[in-house]
């Protein structure tokens, strides 16, 4: 299935690229801009097969998909722990991507889409949760440290170690001569001692029994297959098998009108059944979620004393549990753009028209305006636990995001976030609790702050200097 999906996507991309060839540059984030529209189309076409290749957890399949989509990749590369765009990227040999790292050949800043080729040369290590921006070139034998980020068009010299956001050279990447001494420092250091009593928690009786979690999960997952499963069996055994699969095969059969209609209709029927399955996931979740939502807490600050049972907080956790599979099922489907509709239909979020949600983390009560973009591995949370173990408080507040806001990859938001219109969060930008962000600006860092024109120019490498 994975290989066939990649091949079909490659065939579709071939014809799409004949109509409009992919190219580097700075484009307007508008439906009137052909380069932006075709970039969006290419991304959607690649999303399902590329996701399938990653889920099988066989690195060779992921490399096969990348090669088919035009990314130069070597067998010696280890890319499966990170995430990489599928065009305008050239990898050398022996590349290692850390867990949660991101390689981007495109980025949205305000009303602009920037597409630039990324080159990662031989023997490069990208640390965990680091981000490589469009246009970056990384020389041989270079390390980008964990949680670091390059600027657009940044050139990282060979045999070097870089750290920070934006990344700066901190030292030469020299060969380690005394490996035994290094091992001793790492593995033979004094281990911290902990008092077992401080880590012991007393059992707590939940207001919602664990059986409710099991039953609701079964209803959402299993119930969504009942009618679609019946229709599939009816179509396969009642129509497809007697009319196509059991008749004697010869070449003339393929050219019969009835056979052609069946072959053309079957993919449409299967897609329709799959969409019906997604609809029932959303419908069943909506019914259970509304029941839990009426009994769950309003937004606020709650005492989370582990020695006491809290019915309100139990419903809060139950409500969060209900959202996990439905969001997963939609955002990882061939139709990820339906995620916005799903969240609106369930009633957990308000999502404006034209808002795009990538492979990211989404909670209830996170509300977006129109034409927003929520990038890969972004995470805006509606809750935060504060305090000392055993005496915690739970902060539970949603977020309100204005129109035309962009959250690039690896951005974060804390509970109570309010964002105005036309705001861009650069990769890695993260807010504090109850942060209020004004309109019309580019923000970065932690705590997040508004960048000046000079800082924006420095990050973009002058790419949109005159915009």
Protein backbone atom coordinates (compact mmCIF):
# COMPACT_ATOMS: atom_id res chain seq x y z
CA UNK A 1 0.00 0.00 0.00
CA UNK A 2 2.80 2.41 0.91
CA UNK A 3 4.78 1.85 -2.28
CA UNK A 4 1.67 2.06 -4.47
CA UNK A 5 0.60 5.31 -2.74
CA UNK A 6 4.04 6.83 -3.37
CA UNK A 7 3.97 5.76 -7.03
CA UNK A 8 0.46 7.14 -7.59
CA UNK A 9 1.44 10.42 -5.88
CA UNK A 10 4.54 10.61 -8.09
CA UNK A 11 2.40 10.16 -11.20
CA UNK A 12 0.00 12.90 -10.10
CA UNK A 13 2.94 15.20 -9.26
CA UNK A 14 4.42 14.58 -12.70
CA UNK A 15 1.35 16.04 -14.40
CA UNK A 16 0.98 18.83 -11.83
CA UNK A 17 4.62 19.86 -12.37
CA UNK A 18 4.08 19.85 -16.14
CA UNK A 19 1.35 22.44 -15.65
CA UNK A 20 3.39 24.54 -13.23
CA UNK A 21 7.04 23.77 -12.47
CA UNK A 22 8.17 24.12 -8.81
CA UNK A 23 10.64 26.93 -8.27
CA UNK A 24 12.48 28.80 -5.54
CA UNK A 25 11.64 32.36 -4.62
CA UNK A 26 9.42 34.64 -2.57
CA UNK A 27 5.70 34.41 -3.32
CA UNK A 28 2.50 35.96 -2.01
CA UNK A 29 0.34 33.88 0.33
CA UNK A 30 -2.75 34.32 -1.77
CA UNK A 31 -5.02 32.17 -3.94
CA UNK A 32 -4.20 34.55 -6.78
CA UNK A 33 -0.52 33.54 -6.69
CA UNK A 34 -0.01 30.40 -8.80
CA UNK A 35 3.25 29.45 -7.10
CA UNK A 36 1.57 29.51 -3.69
CA UNK A 37 -1.44 27.51 -4.91
CA UNK A 38 0.67 24.84 -6.60
CA UNK A 39 2.97 24.62 -3.57
CA UNK A 40 -0.12 23.93 -1.45
CA UNK A 41 -1.32 21.34 -3.97
CA UNK A 42 2.05 19.56 -4.02
CA UNK A 43 2.10 19.45 -0.22
CA UNK A 44 -1.35 17.85 -0.06
CA UNK A 45 -0.47 15.24 -2.71
CA UNK A 46 2.66 14.17 -0.80
CA UNK A 47 1.16 14.19 2.68
CA UNK A 48 -0.64 10.81 2.70
CA UNK A 49 2.03 8.61 1.05
CA UNK A 50 4.81 10.27 3.04
CA UNK A 51 2.90 9.73 6.29
CA UNK A 52 2.31 6.07 5.37
CA UNK A 53 6.02 5.59 4.69
CA UNK A 54 6.87 6.93 8.15
CA UNK A 55 4.23 4.89 9.99
CA UNK A 56 5.50 1.57 8.66
CA UNK A 57 8.69 2.41 10.60
CA UNK A 58 11.00 1.08 7.90
CA UNK A 59 13.54 3.84 7.12
CA UNK A 60 14.12 2.49 3.61
CA UNK A 61 10.49 3.21 2.71
CA UNK A 62 10.80 6.81 3.90
CA UNK A 63 13.98 7.26 1.86
CA UNK A 64 12.22 5.69 -1.14
CA UNK A 65 9.39 8.21 -0.81
CA UNK A 66 11.82 11.13 -0.52
CA UNK A 67 13.74 9.99 -3.60
CA UNK A 68 10.53 9.61 -5.59
CA UNK A 69 9.54 13.16 -4.64
CA UNK A 70 12.90 14.58 -5.75
CA UNK A 71 14.91 14.78 -2.53
CA UNK A 72 18.50 13.59 -2.84
CA UNK A 73 19.09 11.12 -0.02
CA UNK A 74 21.68 8.43 0.75
CA UNK A 75 21.23 4.95 2.22
CA UNK A 76 23.58 5.90 5.06
CA UNK A 77 21.26 8.68 6.25
CA UNK A 78 19.15 8.29 9.41
CA UNK A 79 16.20 10.64 8.92
CA UNK A 80 13.31 8.80 10.57
CA UNK A 81 13.60 10.54 13.97
CA UNK A 82 13.04 13.98 12.45
CA UNK A 83 10.76 15.58 9.88
CA UNK A 84 11.79 16.91 6.50
CA UNK A 85 10.12 18.71 3.63
CA UNK A 86 9.84 16.71 0.42
CA UNK A 87 11.24 19.13 -2.16
CA UNK A 88 14.26 21.43 -2.67
CA UNK A 89 16.41 19.46 -0.21
CA UNK A 90 19.76 17.79 -0.90
CA UNK A 91 21.31 15.46 1.67
CA UNK A 92 24.88 14.20 1.62
CA UNK A 93 26.02 10.92 3.15
CA UNK A 94 25.86 9.83 6.79
CA UNK A 95 23.33 12.43 7.95
CA UNK A 96 21.70 12.06 11.38
CA UNK A 97 18.47 13.86 12.31
CA UNK A 98 17.70 14.12 16.03
CA UNK A 99 14.28 13.39 17.46
CA UNK A 100 11.74 16.09 16.62
CA UNK A 101 14.14 18.03 14.37
CA UNK A 102 12.75 19.75 11.28
CA UNK A 103 14.31 20.47 7.87
CA UNK A 104 12.32 23.18 6.06
CA UNK A 105 12.68 24.29 2.46
CA UNK A 106 9.74 26.68 2.83
CA UNK A 107 8.42 29.07 5.44
CA UNK A 108 5.51 31.49 5.80
CA UNK A 109 6.26 34.97 7.12
CA UNK A 110 3.30 37.33 7.08
CA UNK A 111 1.90 37.39 3.57
CA UNK A 112 5.00 35.81 2.03
CA UNK A 113 5.92 32.24 1.18
CA UNK A 114 9.68 31.71 0.96
CA UNK A 115 10.96 28.62 -0.86
CA UNK A 116 14.73 28.03 -0.84
CA UNK A 117 16.88 24.96 -1.42
CA UNK A 118 18.53 23.37 1.63
CA UNK A 119 21.86 21.54 1.34
CA UNK A 120 23.15 19.29 4.11
CA UNK A 121 26.58 17.88 3.26
CA UNK A 122 28.32 14.71 4.46
CA UNK A 123 28.64 13.62 8.12
CA UNK A 124 26.26 16.20 9.59
CA UNK A 125 24.30 15.78 12.84
CA UNK A 126 21.13 17.80 13.50
CA UNK A 127 20.31 17.81 17.22
CA UNK A 128 16.93 17.04 18.76
CA UNK A 129 14.19 19.65 18.28
CA UNK A 130 16.40 21.79 16.06
CA UNK A 131 15.21 23.50 12.90
CA UNK A 132 17.00 24.12 9.61
CA UNK A 133 15.49 27.09 7.76
CA UNK A 134 15.08 27.45 3.97
CA UNK A 135 18.23 28.30 2.04
CA UNK A 136 20.57 26.89 4.69
CA UNK A 137 23.80 25.17 3.67
CA UNK A 138 25.55 22.99 6.26
CA UNK A 139 29.16 22.02 5.60
CA UNK A 140 30.80 18.63 6.12
CA UNK A 141 31.38 17.22 9.63
CA UNK A 142 29.24 19.90 11.28
CA UNK A 143 26.89 19.58 14.26
CA UNK A 144 23.81 21.72 14.89
CA UNK A 145 23.17 21.41 18.62
CA UNK A 146 19.81 20.50 20.17
CA UNK A 147 17.01 23.14 20.21
CA UNK A 148 18.93 25.34 17.78
CA UNK A 149 17.72 27.09 14.63
CA UNK A 150 19.40 28.46 11.53
CA UNK A 151 18.41 31.65 9.75
CA UNK A 152 17.22 31.75 6.16
CA UNK A 153 20.18 31.43 3.73
CA UNK A 154 22.60 30.83 6.63
CA UNK A 155 25.89 29.12 5.76
CA UNK A 156 27.26 26.78 8.43
CA UNK A 157 30.98 26.15 7.98
CA UNK A 158 32.43 22.66 7.87
CA UNK A 159 34.06 20.96 10.87
CA UNK A 160 32.14 23.18 13.30
CA UNK A 161 29.59 23.01 16.10
CA UNK A 162 26.71 25.52 16.09
CA UNK A 163 24.25 26.36 18.85
CA UNK A 164 21.43 28.80 19.54
CA UNK A 165 18.62 30.56 17.71
CA UNK A 166 19.87 31.88 15.40
CA UNK A 167 22.71 29.35 15.34
CA UNK A 168 26.21 30.62 16.11
CA UNK A 169 29.51 28.79 15.93
CA UNK A 170 30.74 27.84 19.39
CA UNK A 171 33.75 25.65 18.61
CA UNK A 172 35.52 23.46 16.10
CA UNK A 173 34.28 19.89 15.67
CA UNK A 174 37.54 18.12 16.45
CA UNK A 175 38.23 14.41 16.75
CA UNK A 176 37.91 13.18 20.35
CA UNK A 177 41.26 11.73 21.36
CA UNK A 178 40.61 10.51 24.92
CA UNK A 179 37.32 8.61 24.56
CA UNK A 180 37.80 6.68 27.84
CA UNK A 181 37.99 9.91 29.82
CA UNK A 182 34.77 11.15 28.22
CA UNK A 183 32.96 7.89 28.99
CA UNK A 184 34.06 8.15 32.61
CA UNK A 185 32.63 11.66 32.95
CA UNK A 186 29.31 10.58 31.46
CA UNK A 187 28.71 7.14 32.96
CA UNK A 188 30.63 7.17 36.24
CA UNK A 189 29.44 10.45 37.73
CA UNK A 190 27.69 10.43 41.12
CA UNK A 191 24.02 9.54 40.79
CA UNK A 192 21.55 11.83 42.60
CA UNK A 193 19.80 10.31 45.61
CA UNK A 194 16.03 10.61 45.93
CA UNK A 195 13.77 10.16 48.91
CA UNK A 196 11.20 7.53 47.98
CA UNK A 197 8.59 9.14 50.23
CA UNK A 198 8.56 12.34 48.19
CA UNK A 199 7.86 10.34 45.04
CA UNK A 200 5.10 8.20 46.54
CA UNK A 201 1.52 9.09 45.63
CA UNK A 202 -1.55 7.72 47.34
CA UNK A 203 -4.16 6.06 45.10
CA UNK A 204 -7.11 8.22 44.11
CA UNK A 205 -10.60 7.09 43.20
CA UNK A 206 -11.67 8.60 39.89
CA UNK A 207 -15.14 10.09 39.56
CA UNK A 208 -15.22 8.61 36.05
CA UNK A 209 -14.40 4.88 36.18
CA UNK A 210 -11.80 3.57 33.79
CA UNK A 211 -14.55 1.49 32.18
CA UNK A 212 -16.00 4.73 30.80
CA UNK A 213 -12.71 5.39 29.00
CA UNK A 214 -12.72 1.89 27.51
CA UNK A 215 -16.37 2.03 26.43
CA UNK A 216 -16.12 5.52 24.93
CA UNK A 217 -12.94 4.55 23.06
CA UNK A 218 -14.63 1.42 21.74
CA UNK A 219 -17.71 3.41 20.65
CA UNK A 220 -15.64 6.01 18.80
CA UNK A 221 -13.29 3.57 17.09
CA UNK A 222 -15.47 0.49 16.73
CA UNK A 223 -18.74 2.30 16.15
CA UNK A 224 -17.27 4.29 13.28
CA UNK A 225 -16.68 1.03 11.36
CA UNK A 226 -20.17 -0.48 11.68
CA UNK A 227 -22.02 1.08 8.74
CA UNK A 228 -18.87 1.65 6.58
CA UNK A 229 -17.86 -1.97 7.23
CA UNK A 230 -21.30 -3.25 6.23
CA UNK A 231 -21.22 -1.17 3.03
CA UNK A 232 -17.74 -2.43 2.18
CA UNK A 233 -18.76 -6.08 2.63
CA UNK A 234 -21.94 -5.50 0.61
CA UNK A 235 -20.03 -3.82 -2.23
CA UNK A 236 -17.18 -6.33 -2.28
CA UNK A 237 -19.12 -9.59 -2.00
CA UNK A 238 -22.42 -8.43 -3.45
CA UNK A 239 -21.17 -6.50 -6.47
CA UNK A 240 -17.41 -6.52 -7.07
CA UNK A 241 -16.80 -10.26 -6.64
CA UNK A 242 -19.63 -11.62 -8.86
CA UNK A 243 -19.22 -8.97 -11.56
CA UNK A 244 -15.43 -8.82 -11.83
CA UNK A 245 -13.37 -11.08 -9.57
CA UNK A 246 -15.03 -14.43 -10.37
CA UNK A 247 -15.39 -14.10 -14.15
CA UNK A 248 -12.80 -15.76 -16.44
CA UNK A 249 -10.05 -13.27 -17.24
CA UNK A 250 -8.99 -12.30 -20.74
CA UNK A 251 -7.85 -9.07 -22.34
CA UNK A 252 -11.21 -8.42 -23.97
CA UNK A 253 -12.83 -8.18 -20.52
CA UNK A 254 -10.76 -5.09 -19.71
CA UNK A 255 -12.24 -3.23 -22.67
CA UNK A 256 -15.85 -4.00 -21.88
CA UNK A 257 -17.93 -1.00 -20.78
CA UNK A 258 -19.13 -2.77 -17.63
CA UNK A 259 -15.58 -3.59 -16.54
CA UNK A 260 -14.38 -0.04 -17.13
CA UNK A 261 -17.26 1.37 -15.11
CA UNK A 262 -16.47 -1.00 -12.22
CA UNK A 263 -12.75 -0.13 -12.29
CA UNK A 264 -13.50 3.59 -12.31
CA UNK A 265 -16.22 3.36 -9.70
CA UNK A 266 -14.38 1.18 -7.16
CA UNK A 267 -11.86 3.83 -5.98
CA UNK A 268 -14.70 6.35 -5.61
CA UNK A 269 -16.76 3.89 -3.59
CA UNK A 270 -13.82 3.05 -1.31
CA UNK A 271 -13.04 6.74 -0.75
CA UNK A 272 -16.70 7.38 0.00
CA UNK A 273 -16.77 4.56 2.56
CA UNK A 274 -13.60 5.92 4.18
CA UNK A 275 -15.09 9.42 4.39
CA UNK A 276 -18.20 7.93 5.98
CA UNK A 277 -15.93 6.26 8.55
CA UNK A 278 -14.36 9.64 9.37
CA UNK A 279 -17.81 11.22 9.65
CA UNK A 280 -18.95 8.65 12.21
CA UNK A 281 -15.76 9.21 14.23
CA UNK A 282 -16.65 12.90 14.46
CA UNK A 283 -20.36 12.22 15.10
CA UNK A 284 -19.87 9.74 17.95
CA UNK A 285 -17.16 11.93 19.51
CA UNK A 286 -19.48 14.93 19.30
CA UNK A 287 -22.23 13.14 21.24
CA UNK A 288 -19.93 11.92 24.02
CA UNK A 289 -17.91 15.16 24.14
CA UNK A 290 -21.01 17.31 24.65
CA UNK A 291 -22.09 15.09 27.53
CA UNK A 292 -18.65 15.45 29.17
CA UNK A 293 -18.37 19.16 28.35
CA UNK A 294 -21.53 20.00 30.31
CA UNK A 295 -20.04 18.32 33.38
CA UNK A 296 -16.47 19.49 32.94
CA UNK A 297 -14.94 22.64 34.39
CA UNK A 298 -15.14 26.10 32.94
CA UNK A 299 -11.82 27.77 32.28
CA UNK A 300 -9.90 28.81 35.36
CA UNK A 301 -7.32 27.84 38.01
CA UNK A 302 -7.96 24.62 39.94
CA UNK A 303 -6.47 23.04 43.05
CA UNK A 304 -5.05 19.67 42.04
CA UNK A 305 -4.49 18.20 45.48
CA UNK A 306 -3.75 14.54 44.81
CA UNK A 307 -5.31 13.42 48.11
CA UNK A 308 -8.75 14.63 47.05
CA UNK A 309 -11.03 13.51 44.25
CA UNK A 310 -12.21 16.20 41.87
CA UNK A 311 -15.22 15.38 39.72
CA UNK A 312 -14.73 18.48 37.59
CA UNK A 313 -11.10 17.70 36.82
CA UNK A 314 -11.92 14.07 36.10
CA UNK A 315 -14.30 15.24 33.39
CA UNK A 316 -11.59 17.59 32.13
CA UNK A 317 -9.21 14.63 31.70
CA UNK A 318 -11.98 12.52 30.18
CA UNK A 319 -12.78 15.29 27.71
CA UNK A 320 -9.12 15.48 26.70
CA UNK A 321 -9.03 11.70 26.23
CA UNK A 322 -12.03 11.85 23.89
CA UNK A 323 -10.18 14.18 21.49
CA UNK A 324 -7.06 12.07 21.00
CA UNK A 325 -8.16 9.48 18.44
CA UNK A 326 -10.50 11.75 16.41
CA UNK A 327 -7.76 14.35 15.88
CA UNK A 328 -5.27 11.59 15.03
CA UNK A 329 -7.68 9.95 12.56
CA UNK A 330 -8.34 13.17 10.63
CA UNK A 331 -4.93 14.84 10.72
CA UNK A 332 -3.21 11.61 9.57
CA UNK A 333 -5.80 10.78 6.90
CA UNK A 334 -5.54 11.48 3.14
CA UNK A 335 -7.82 14.45 3.86
CA UNK A 336 -6.06 16.43 6.62
CA UNK A 337 -7.84 19.64 5.59
CA UNK A 338 -11.01 18.13 7.12
CA UNK A 339 -9.48 18.53 10.60
CA UNK A 340 -10.82 22.08 10.84
CA UNK A 341 -14.33 20.89 9.99
CA UNK A 342 -14.04 18.06 12.51
CA UNK A 343 -13.10 20.36 15.40
CA UNK A 344 -15.95 22.74 14.55
CA UNK A 345 -18.41 19.84 14.24
CA UNK A 346 -17.43 18.30 17.59
CA UNK A 347 -17.74 21.71 19.21
CA UNK A 348 -14.37 21.69 20.96
CA UNK A 349 -12.84 24.56 18.97
CA UNK A 350 -13.77 27.51 16.80
CA UNK A 351 -11.83 27.31 13.54
CA UNK A 352 -12.18 30.07 10.96
CA UNK A 353 -12.57 29.48 7.25
CA UNK A 354 -9.32 28.90 5.36
CA UNK A 355 -7.30 27.88 8.44
CA UNK A 356 -4.76 25.09 7.83
CA UNK A 357 -3.71 22.68 10.59
CA UNK A 358 -0.57 20.66 9.89
CA UNK A 359 0.73 17.59 11.77
CA UNK A 360 0.71 19.27 15.16
CA UNK A 361 -0.75 19.20 18.67
CA UNK A 362 -4.24 20.61 19.07
CA UNK A 363 -6.33 20.88 22.26
CA UNK A 364 -9.90 21.93 22.95
CA UNK A 365 -10.69 25.62 23.51
CA UNK A 366 -7.92 26.71 21.11
CA UNK A 367 -9.80 29.01 18.73
CA UNK A 368 -8.47 30.28 15.40
CA UNK A 369 -9.69 33.09 13.18
CA UNK A 370 -9.78 32.99 9.38
CA UNK A 371 -6.85 32.06 7.12
CA UNK A 372 -4.48 30.97 9.88
CA UNK A 373 -1.63 28.46 9.52
CA UNK A 374 -0.68 26.05 12.33
CA UNK A 375 2.66 24.47 11.41
CA UNK A 376 4.32 21.10 11.95
CA UNK A 377 5.01 20.14 15.59
CA UNK A 378 3.43 23.36 16.86
CA UNK A 379 1.77 23.12 20.26
CA UNK A 380 -0.64 25.59 21.86
CA UNK A 381 -1.72 24.15 25.19
CA UNK A 382 -4.94 24.79 27.11
CA UNK A 383 -3.53 23.53 30.42
CA UNK A 384 -0.45 23.76 32.60
CA UNK A 385 0.37 22.15 35.95
CA UNK A 386 2.15 24.44 38.45
CA UNK A 387 3.55 23.82 41.89
CA UNK A 388 5.38 21.26 43.98
CA UNK A 389 4.68 17.54 43.56
CA UNK A 390 1.52 16.69 45.55
CA UNK A 391 0.42 20.33 45.81
CA UNK A 392 -0.12 21.28 42.20
CA UNK A 393 -2.54 23.70 40.61
CA UNK A 394 -4.00 23.18 37.16
CA UNK A 395 -4.21 26.23 34.93
CA UNK A 396 -6.94 25.64 32.35
CA UNK A 397 -7.46 28.44 29.83
CA UNK A 398 -7.93 28.30 26.08
CA UNK A 399 -6.40 30.55 23.43
CA UNK A 400 -7.87 33.10 21.04
CA UNK A 401 -6.02 33.53 17.75
CA UNK A 402 -6.96 36.35 15.37
CA UNK A 403 -7.29 36.24 11.59
CA UNK A 404 -4.39 35.57 9.24
CA UNK A 405 -1.92 34.38 11.90
CA UNK A 406 1.00 32.04 11.13
CA UNK A 407 2.48 29.61 13.66
CA UNK A 408 5.55 28.10 12.01
CA UNK A 409 7.09 24.76 12.97
CA UNK A 410 8.04 24.11 16.61
CA UNK A 411 6.17 27.15 17.94
CA UNK A 412 4.39 27.03 21.29
CA UNK A 413 1.69 28.80 23.25
CA UNK A 414 0.73 28.68 26.93
CA UNK A 415 -2.81 28.78 28.38
CA UNK A 416 -4.63 32.10 28.20
CA UNK A 417 -2.89 33.22 25.00
CA UNK A 418 -4.52 36.03 23.01
CA UNK A 419 -3.16 36.94 19.58
CA UNK A 420 -4.30 39.78 17.33
CA UNK A 421 -4.54 39.75 13.54
CA UNK A 422 -1.76 39.33 10.96
CA UNK A 423 0.84 37.92 13.36
CA UNK A 424 3.68 35.52 12.47
CA UNK A 425 5.45 33.31 15.00
CA UNK A 426 8.87 32.29 13.69
CA UNK A 427 10.02 28.71 14.39
CA UNK A 428 10.70 28.07 18.05
CA UNK A 429 8.79 31.13 19.27
CA UNK A 430 6.95 30.39 22.52
CA UNK A 431 4.73 32.49 24.78
CA UNK A 432 4.23 32.62 28.54
CA UNK A 433 0.91 32.16 30.35
CA UNK A 434 -1.80 34.76 29.68
CA UNK A 435 0.34 36.41 27.00
CA UNK A 436 -1.34 39.11 24.91
CA UNK A 437 0.17 39.58 21.45
CA UNK A 438 -0.78 42.63 19.41
CA UNK A 439 -1.55 42.74 15.70
CA UNK A 440 0.71 43.12 12.65
CA UNK A 441 4.09 41.81 13.68
CA UNK A 442 6.71 39.06 13.48
CA UNK A 443 7.57 37.40 16.79
CA UNK A 444 10.30 35.02 17.95
CA UNK A 445 12.16 33.66 20.98
CA UNK A 446 11.15 32.71 24.50
CA UNK A 447 9.50 34.57 26.07
CA UNK A 448 8.27 35.59 22.66
CA UNK A 449 8.90 39.18 21.59
CA UNK A 450 8.27 41.33 18.56
CA UNK A 451 11.18 41.64 16.13
CA UNK A 452 12.40 44.90 14.68
CA UNK A 453 12.83 45.38 10.93
CA UNK A 454 16.57 44.86 11.31
CA UNK A 455 16.05 41.57 13.16
CA UNK A 456 13.58 40.35 10.54
CA UNK A 457 16.08 41.26 7.84
CA UNK A 458 18.81 39.33 9.68
CA UNK A 459 16.65 36.20 10.03
CA UNK A 460 15.47 36.21 6.42
CA UNK A 461 18.94 36.91 5.06
CA UNK A 462 17.56 39.91 3.18
CA UNK A 463 15.11 37.71 1.26
CA UNK A 464 12.14 39.99 1.92
CA UNK A 465 14.12 43.12 2.73
CA UNK A 466 12.00 45.42 0.59
CA UNK A 467 8.61 43.94 1.50
